[in-house]
Amino acid sequence: MKTGDDTAELPLYDAILDDIYDGRLAGGQRLKVSEIAERYGTSTSPVREVLRRMQGEGFVEIHPNRGATIRPTDAGSIQNIFEVLQMLEPYFVNWFADYAPPDLLDELEGIQARIHELPHSEQRTFRKLDFQFHEIFCRGHYNQTAAEIWRNLRTTLNVQAARLRISPARFEAIKKEHDELIVALRANDPARADTVIRKHVDGSFVQMSQQIRALGMKNVAAH
């Protein structure tokens, strides 16, 4: 791997994310550069680059003379992310509903078909597919600054939510809302798509808030 080569760093970045999603690396856990390099069979330079990237995305903290730690699940951070997503998701979906090229709609339906096949227990795979589903809306958008903010926030949210479980009822509701969204997009109906995406984001926030309370974490404000 070459330091600074984004393409070369992606496998290491994804591998660390997968370990966080699976709970093998937990919030508050110290990340020693030498141990990570040995764990993933790489040198220390790309590890430092990836940790700096994760720090910039908000889910790793780097402390002088103490190394890096995974940021623990934080109710306030989750609420802040959702407040921004409530603005960004409709922003992208409304634009996409007017634009919605057939090839991207086909890709959207392909991802949704894979989501429908997943059992409730496959939550890590679901979160990856859900990310891909929503990422389509901003992929071709002219405002790639906003798109990059969205990608960073959704990645951070997935990390923050790694220890939270999606309930069976919410899992089914997500699939239904995705289906409704596809119907609205196929019809080039921005108003309907806007209604569905707002319900979708709000529903996910409510689900995570319930999980946070169940775990005895600090409550988030009423939404």
C-alpha atoms as a PDB file:
ATOM      1  CA  MET A   1       0.000   0.000   0.000  1.00  0.00           C
ATOM      2  CA  LYS A   2       1.150   3.477  -0.745  1.00  0.00           C
ATOM      3  CA  THR A   3       0.563   6.247   1.746  1.00  0.00           C
ATOM      4  CA  GLY A   4      -1.850   8.841   0.390  1.00  0.00           C
ATOM      5  CA  ASP A   5      -3.169   6.526  -2.330  1.00  0.00           C
ATOM      6  CA  ASP A   6      -6.951   6.582  -1.725  1.00  0.00           C
ATOM      7  CA  THR A   7      -7.538   3.525  -3.877  1.00  0.00           C
ATOM      8  CA  ALA A   8      -4.926   1.534  -1.973  1.00  0.00           C
ATOM      9  CA  GLU A   9      -6.326   2.584   1.409  1.00  0.00           C
ATOM     10  CA  LEU A  10      -9.918   1.550   0.730  1.00  0.00           C
ATOM     11  CA  PRO A  11      -9.502  -2.158   1.594  1.00  0.00           C
ATOM     12  CA  LEU A  12      -7.940  -1.289   4.977  1.00  0.00           C
ATOM     13  CA  TYR A  13     -10.561   1.380   5.628  1.00  0.00           C
ATOM     14  CA  ASP A  14     -13.372  -1.058   4.814  1.00  0.00           C
ATOM     15  CA  ALA A  15     -11.792  -3.838   6.877  1.00  0.00           C
ATOM     16  CA  ILE A  16     -11.653  -1.631   9.970  1.00  0.00           C
ATOM     17  CA  LEU A  17     -15.239  -0.515   9.385  1.00  0.00           C
ATOM     18  CA  ASP A  18     -16.362  -4.143   9.101  1.00  0.00           C
ATOM     19  CA  ASP A  19     -14.712  -4.956  12.435  1.00  0.00           C
ATOM     20  CA  ILE A  20     -16.495  -2.002  14.040  1.00  0.00           C
ATOM     21  CA  TYR A  21     -19.847  -3.056  12.553  1.00  0.00           C
ATOM     22  CA  ASP A  22     -19.334  -6.626  13.808  1.00  0.00           C
ATOM     23  CA  GLY A  23     -18.344  -5.483  17.292  1.00  0.00           C
ATOM     24  CA  ARG A  24     -14.782  -6.811  17.068  1.00  0.00           C
ATOM     25  CA  LEU A  25     -13.677  -3.212  17.566  1.00  0.00           C
ATOM     26  CA  ALA A  26     -15.906  -1.386  20.049  1.00  0.00           C
ATOM     27  CA  GLY A  27     -16.583   2.206  21.030  1.00  0.00           C
ATOM     28  CA  GLY A  28     -13.957   3.485  23.446  1.00  0.00           C
ATOM     29  CA  GLN A  29     -11.450   0.840  22.378  1.00  0.00           C
ATOM     30  CA  ARG A  30      -7.893   2.033  21.908  1.00  0.00           C
ATOM     31  CA  LEU A  31      -6.480   1.554  18.419  1.00  0.00           C
ATOM     32  CA  LYS A  32      -2.728   1.001  18.489  1.00  0.00           C
ATOM     33  CA  VAL A  33      -1.163   1.635  15.101  1.00  0.00           C
ATOM     34  CA  SER A  34       1.326  -1.230  15.387  1.00  0.00           C
ATOM     35  CA  GLU A  35      -1.376  -3.712  16.441  1.00  0.00           C
ATOM     36  CA  ILE A  36      -3.709  -2.644  13.637  1.00  0.00           C
ATOM     37  CA  ALA A  37      -0.904  -2.949  11.092  1.00  0.00           C
ATOM     38  CA  GLU A  38      -0.178  -6.481  12.312  1.00  0.00           C
ATOM     39  CA  ARG A  39      -3.891  -7.381  12.425  1.00  0.00           C
ATOM     40  CA  TYR A  40      -4.468  -6.395   8.810  1.00  0.00           C
ATOM     41  CA  GLY A  41      -1.073  -7.348   7.442  1.00  0.00           C
ATOM     42  CA  THR A  42       0.101  -3.903   6.413  1.00  0.00           C
ATOM     43  CA  SER A  43       2.638  -1.265   7.389  1.00  0.00           C
ATOM     44  CA  THR A  44       2.005   1.503   9.901  1.00  0.00           C
ATOM     45  CA  SER A  45       1.909   4.359   7.352  1.00  0.00           C
ATOM     46  CA  PRO A  46      -1.423   3.455   5.691  1.00  0.00           C
ATOM     47  CA  VAL A  47      -2.895   2.731   9.144  1.00  0.00           C
ATOM     48  CA  ARG A  48      -2.079   6.277  10.255  1.00  0.00           C
ATOM     49  CA  GLU A  49      -3.592   7.653   7.038  1.00  0.00           C
ATOM     50  CA  VAL A  50      -6.817   5.697   7.527  1.00  0.00           C
ATOM     51  CA  LEU A  51      -7.099   6.712  11.186  1.00  0.00           C
ATOM     52  CA  ARG A  52      -6.645  10.368  10.232  1.00  0.00           C
ATOM     53  CA  ARG A  53      -9.380   9.950   7.627  1.00  0.00           C
ATOM     54  CA  MET A  54     -11.666   8.366  10.228  1.00  0.00           C
ATOM     55  CA  GLN A  55     -10.874  11.194  12.623  1.00  0.00           C
ATOM     56  CA  GLY A  56     -11.951  13.680   9.951  1.00  0.00           C
ATOM     57  CA  GLU A  57     -15.188  11.740   9.479  1.00  0.00           C
ATOM     58  CA  GLY A  58     -15.871  11.969  13.203  1.00  0.00           C
ATOM     59  CA  PHE A  59     -15.867   8.397  14.477  1.00  0.00           C
ATOM     60  CA  VAL A  60     -12.255   8.042  15.601  1.00  0.00           C
ATOM     61  CA  GLU A  61     -10.601  10.316  18.141  1.00  0.00           C
ATOM     62  CA  ILE A  62      -6.828  10.829  18.121  1.00  0.00           C
ATOM     63  CA  HIS A  63      -5.281  11.987  21.400  1.00  0.00           C
ATOM     64  CA  PRO A  64      -1.727  13.330  21.669  1.00  0.00           C
ATOM     65  CA  ASN A  65       0.578  10.725  23.234  1.00  0.00           C
ATOM     66  CA  ARG A  66      -2.346   8.321  23.777  1.00  0.00           C
ATOM     67  CA  GLY A  67      -3.130   7.168  20.250  1.00  0.00           C
ATOM     68  CA  ALA A  68      -6.557   6.698  18.686  1.00  0.00           C
ATOM     69  CA  THR A  69      -9.840   5.415  20.071  1.00  0.00           C
ATOM     70  CA  ILE A  70     -13.160   4.580  18.447  1.00  0.00           C
ATOM     71  CA  ARG A  71     -15.654   7.224  19.462  1.00  0.00           C
ATOM     72  CA  PRO A  72     -18.259   5.649  21.759  1.00  0.00           C
ATOM     73  CA  THR A  73     -21.918   5.674  20.752  1.00  0.00           C
ATOM     74  CA  ASP A  74     -23.172   9.104  21.676  1.00  0.00           C
ATOM     75  CA  ALA A  75     -26.856  10.053  21.758  1.00  0.00           C
ATOM     76  CA  GLY A  76     -26.174  13.713  21.057  1.00  0.00           C
ATOM     77  CA  SER A  77     -24.049  12.923  18.009  1.00  0.00           C
ATOM     78  CA  ILE A  78     -26.738  10.629  16.613  1.00  0.00           C
ATOM     79  CA  GLN A  79     -29.346  13.347  17.021  1.00  0.00           C
ATOM     80  CA  ASN A  80     -27.099  15.909  15.326  1.00  0.00           C
ATOM     81  CA  ILE A  81     -26.522  13.568  12.383  1.00  0.00           C
ATOM     82  CA  PHE A  82     -30.225  12.948  11.928  1.00  0.00           C
ATOM     83  CA  GLU A  83     -31.000  16.664  12.002  1.00  0.00           C
ATOM     84  CA  VAL A  84     -28.629  17.176   9.078  1.00  0.00           C
ATOM     85  CA  LEU A  85     -29.896  14.080   7.251  1.00  0.00           C
ATOM     86  CA  GLN A  86     -33.435  15.444   7.543  1.00  0.00           C
ATOM     87  CA  MET A  87     -32.270  18.290   5.341  1.00  0.00           C
ATOM     88  CA  LEU A  88     -29.953  16.415   2.992  1.00  0.00           C
ATOM     89  CA  GLU A  89     -32.046  13.332   2.197  1.00  0.00           C
ATOM     90  CA  PRO A  90     -35.061  15.290   0.840  1.00  0.00           C
ATOM     91  CA  TYR A  91     -32.658  17.631  -0.953  1.00  0.00           C
ATOM     92  CA  PHE A  92     -31.179  14.745  -2.939  1.00  0.00           C
ATOM     93  CA  VAL A  93     -34.377  12.724  -3.339  1.00  0.00           C
ATOM     94  CA  ASN A  94     -36.407  15.665  -4.690  1.00  0.00           C
ATOM     95  CA  TRP A  95     -33.760  16.342  -7.303  1.00  0.00           C
ATOM     96  CA  PHE A  96     -33.464  12.660  -8.130  1.00  0.00           C
ATOM     97  CA  ALA A  97     -37.239  12.296  -8.585  1.00  0.00           C
ATOM     98  CA  ASP A  98     -37.111  14.791 -11.466  1.00  0.00           C
ATOM     99  CA  TYR A  99     -33.911  13.362 -12.931  1.00  0.00           C
ATOM    100  CA  ALA A 100     -34.142   9.603 -12.092  1.00  0.00           C
ATOM    101  CA  PRO A 101     -32.418   7.915 -15.059  1.00  0.00           C
ATOM    102  CA  PRO A 102     -33.650   4.370 -15.799  1.00  0.00           C
ATOM    103  CA  ASP A 103     -30.255   2.766 -15.203  1.00  0.00           C
ATOM    104  CA  LEU A 104     -29.999   4.165 -11.669  1.00  0.00           C
ATOM    105  CA  LEU A 105     -33.603   3.218 -10.934  1.00  0.00           C
ATOM    106  CA  ASP A 106     -32.788  -0.307 -12.077  1.00  0.00           C
ATOM    107  CA  GLU A 107     -29.748  -0.328  -9.791  1.00  0.00           C
ATOM    108  CA  LEU A 108     -31.917   0.943  -6.937  1.00  0.00           C
ATOM    109  CA  GLU A 109     -34.388  -1.878  -7.488  1.00  0.00           C
ATOM    110  CA  GLY A 110     -31.551  -4.394  -7.649  1.00  0.00           C
ATOM    111  CA  ILE A 111     -30.258  -3.296  -4.242  1.00  0.00           C
ATOM    112  CA  GLN A 112     -33.791  -3.368  -2.851  1.00  0.00           C
ATOM    113  CA  ALA A 113     -34.267  -6.918  -4.148  1.00  0.00           C
ATOM    114  CA  ARG A 114     -31.167  -7.977  -2.209  1.00  0.00           C
ATOM    115  CA  ILE A 115     -32.488  -6.215   0.913  1.00  0.00           C
ATOM    116  CA  HIS A 116     -35.790  -8.098   0.608  1.00  0.00           C
ATOM    117  CA  GLU A 117     -33.865 -11.392   0.554  1.00  0.00           C
ATOM    118  CA  LEU A 118     -31.994 -10.640   3.790  1.00  0.00           C
ATOM    119  CA  PRO A 119     -33.086 -12.190   7.060  1.00  0.00           C
ATOM    120  CA  HIS A 120     -33.477  -9.801   9.985  1.00  0.00           C
ATOM    121  CA  SER A 121     -30.321 -11.209  11.589  1.00  0.00           C
ATOM    122  CA  GLU A 122     -28.066  -9.969   8.760  1.00  0.00           C
ATOM    123  CA  GLN A 123     -27.927  -6.401  10.058  1.00  0.00           C
ATOM    124  CA  ARG A 124     -24.349  -5.665   9.054  1.00  0.00           C
ATOM    125  CA  THR A 125     -25.096  -6.626   5.438  1.00  0.00           C
ATOM    126  CA  PHE A 126     -28.335  -4.675   5.594  1.00  0.00           C
ATOM    127  CA  ARG A 127     -26.570  -1.491   6.713  1.00  0.00           C
ATOM    128  CA  LYS A 128     -24.145  -1.784   3.815  1.00  0.00           C
ATOM    129  CA  LEU A 129     -26.952  -2.279   1.287  1.00  0.00           C
ATOM    130  CA  ASP A 130     -29.009   0.514   2.844  1.00  0.00           C
ATOM    131  CA  PHE A 131     -26.024   2.842   2.469  1.00  0.00           C
ATOM    132  CA  GLN A 132     -25.715   1.848  -1.208  1.00  0.00           C
ATOM    133  CA  PHE A 133     -29.457   2.384  -1.739  1.00  0.00           C
ATOM    134  CA  HIS A 134     -29.388   5.941  -0.386  1.00  0.00           C
ATOM    135  CA  GLU A 135     -26.031   6.798  -1.950  1.00  0.00           C
ATOM    136  CA  ILE A 136     -27.568   6.473  -5.419  1.00  0.00           C
ATOM    137  CA  PHE A 137     -29.627   9.617  -4.797  1.00  0.00           C
ATOM    138  CA  CYS A 138     -26.565  11.824  -4.438  1.00  0.00           C
ATOM    139  CA  ARG A 139     -24.148  10.009  -6.726  1.00  0.00           C
ATOM    140  CA  GLY A 140     -24.798  12.112  -9.830  1.00  0.00           C
ATOM    141  CA  HIS A 141     -25.850  15.292  -8.059  1.00  0.00           C
ATOM    142  CA  TYR A 142     -24.155  18.507  -9.133  1.00  0.00           C
ATOM    143  CA  ASN A 143     -23.414  19.433  -5.487  1.00  0.00           C
ATOM    144  CA  GLN A 144     -20.723  16.920  -4.634  1.00  0.00           C
ATOM    145  CA  THR A 145     -19.716  18.918  -1.560  1.00  0.00           C
ATOM    146  CA  ALA A 146     -23.129  18.132  -0.066  1.00  0.00           C
ATOM    147  CA  ALA A 147     -22.837  14.549  -1.329  1.00  0.00           C
ATOM    148  CA  GLU A 148     -19.528  14.061   0.468  1.00  0.00           C
ATOM    149  CA  ILE A 149     -21.008  15.473   3.680  1.00  0.00           C
ATOM    150  CA  TRP A 150     -23.859  12.980   3.328  1.00  0.00           C
ATOM    151  CA  ARG A 151     -21.454  10.051   2.802  1.00  0.00           C
ATOM    152  CA  ASN A 152     -19.387  11.005   5.847  1.00  0.00           C
ATOM    153  CA  LEU A 153     -22.467  11.419   8.024  1.00  0.00           C
ATOM    154  CA  ARG A 154     -24.003   8.113   6.962  1.00  0.00           C
ATOM    155  CA  THR A 155     -20.711   6.298   7.560  1.00  0.00           C
ATOM    156  CA  THR A 156     -20.425   7.902  10.997  1.00  0.00           C
ATOM    157  CA  LEU A 157     -24.029   6.975  11.752  1.00  0.00           C
ATOM    158  CA  ASN A 158     -23.375   3.338  10.830  1.00  0.00           C
ATOM    159  CA  VAL A 159     -20.374   3.299  13.155  1.00  0.00           C
ATOM    160  CA  GLN A 160     -22.301   4.996  15.969  1.00  0.00           C
ATOM    161  CA  ALA A 161     -25.209   2.590  15.482  1.00  0.00           C
ATOM    162  CA  ALA A 162     -23.074  -0.573  15.311  1.00  0.00           C
ATOM    163  CA  ARG A 163     -24.198  -1.709  18.777  1.00  0.00           C
ATOM    164  CA  LEU A 164     -27.837  -0.751  18.171  1.00  0.00           C
ATOM    165  CA  ARG A 165     -30.196  -3.347  16.747  1.00  0.00           C
ATOM    166  CA  ILE A 166     -32.901  -2.703  14.164  1.00  0.00           C
ATOM    167  CA  SER A 167     -36.166  -4.143  15.457  1.00  0.00           C
ATOM    168  CA  PRO A 168     -38.067  -6.650  13.281  1.00  0.00           C
ATOM    169  CA  ALA A 169     -40.922  -4.151  12.906  1.00  0.00           C
ATOM    170  CA  ARG A 170     -38.575  -1.360  11.806  1.00  0.00           C
ATOM    171  CA  PHE A 171     -36.752  -3.736   9.471  1.00  0.00           C
ATOM    172  CA  GLU A 172     -40.040  -4.468   7.676  1.00  0.00           C
ATOM    173  CA  ALA A 173     -41.017  -0.782   7.681  1.00  0.00           C
ATOM    174  CA  ILE A 174     -37.717   0.187   6.043  1.00  0.00           C
ATOM    175  CA  LYS A 175     -38.287  -2.287   3.216  1.00  0.00           C
ATOM    176  CA  LYS A 176     -41.831  -0.990   2.712  1.00  0.00           C
ATOM    177  CA  GLU A 177     -40.658   2.633   2.669  1.00  0.00           C
ATOM    178  CA  HIS A 178     -37.946   1.785   0.146  1.00  0.00           C
ATOM    179  CA  ASP A 179     -40.604   0.200  -2.067  1.00  0.00           C
ATOM    180  CA  GLU A 180     -42.818   3.289  -1.759  1.00  0.00           C
ATOM    181  CA  LEU A 181     -39.880   5.502  -2.622  1.00  0.00           C
ATOM    182  CA  ILE A 182     -39.087   3.509  -5.758  1.00  0.00           C
ATOM    183  CA  VAL A 183     -42.721   3.801  -6.900  1.00  0.00           C
ATOM    184  CA  ALA A 184     -42.628   7.594  -6.429  1.00  0.00           C
ATOM    185  CA  LEU A 185     -39.319   7.854  -8.281  1.00  0.00           C
ATOM    186  CA  ARG A 186     -40.536   5.707 -11.172  1.00  0.00           C
ATOM    187  CA  ALA A 187     -43.496   8.089 -11.448  1.00  0.00           C
ATOM    188  CA  ASN A 188     -41.198  11.160 -11.290  1.00  0.00           C
ATOM    189  CA  ASP A 189     -43.277  12.388  -8.349  1.00  0.00           C
ATOM    190  CA  PRO A 190     -41.088  14.659  -6.168  1.00  0.00           C
ATOM    191  CA  ALA A 191     -43.922  15.514  -3.760  1.00  0.00           C
ATOM    192  CA  ARG A 192     -44.623  11.875  -2.958  1.00  0.00           C
ATOM    193  CA  ALA A 193     -40.915  11.033  -2.804  1.00  0.00           C
ATOM    194  CA  ASP A 194     -40.395  13.922  -0.371  1.00  0.00           C
ATOM    195  CA  THR A 195     -43.164  12.640   1.915  1.00  0.00           C
ATOM    196  CA  VAL A 196     -41.756   9.116   1.921  1.00  0.00           C
ATOM    197  CA  ILE A 197     -38.124  10.079   2.548  1.00  0.00           C
ATOM    198  CA  ARG A 198     -39.058  12.345   5.451  1.00  0.00           C
ATOM    199  CA  LYS A 199     -41.119   9.553   7.028  1.00  0.00           C
ATOM    200  CA  HIS A 200     -38.214   7.194   6.395  1.00  0.00           C
ATOM    201  CA  VAL A 201     -35.573   9.339   8.125  1.00  0.00           C
ATOM    202  CA  ASP A 202     -37.891  10.167  11.034  1.00  0.00           C
ATOM    203  CA  GLY A 203     -38.708   6.483  11.528  1.00  0.00           C
ATOM    204  CA  SER A 204     -35.037   5.561  11.733  1.00  0.00           C
ATOM    205  CA  PHE A 205     -34.434   8.310  14.276  1.00  0.00           C
ATOM    206  CA  VAL A 206     -37.293   7.092  16.466  1.00  0.00           C
ATOM    207  CA  GLN A 207     -35.987   3.517  16.280  1.00  0.00           C
ATOM    208  CA  MET A 208     -32.470   4.546  17.333  1.00  0.00           C
ATOM    209  CA  SER A 209     -33.824   6.766  20.112  1.00  0.00           C
ATOM    210  CA  GLN A 210     -35.712   3.795  21.534  1.00  0.00           C
ATOM    211  CA  GLN A 211     -32.572   1.665  21.402  1.00  0.00           C
ATOM    212  CA  ILE A 212     -30.555   4.368  23.135  1.00  0.00           C
ATOM    213  CA  ARG A 213     -33.092   4.562  25.960  1.00  0.00           C
ATOM    214  CA  ALA A 214     -33.151   0.761  26.259  1.00  0.00           C
ATOM    215  CA  LEU A 215     -29.377   0.745  26.675  1.00  0.00           C
ATOM    216  CA  GLY A 216     -29.612   3.400  29.395  1.00  0.00           C
ATOM    217  CA  MET A 217     -27.732   6.011  27.425  1.00  0.00           C
ATOM    218  CA  LYS A 218     -28.418   9.716  27.716  1.00  0.00           C
ATOM    219  CA  ASN A 219     -31.760  10.481  26.100  1.00  0.00           C
ATOM    220  CA  VAL A 220     -31.956  12.445  22.912  1.00  0.00           C
ATOM    221  CA  ALA A 221     -34.327  15.379  22.697  1.00  0.00           C
ATOM    222  CA  ALA A 222     -37.876  14.872  21.489  1.00  0.00           C
ATOM    223  CA  HIS A 223     -37.972  14.933  17.710  1.00  0.00           C
END
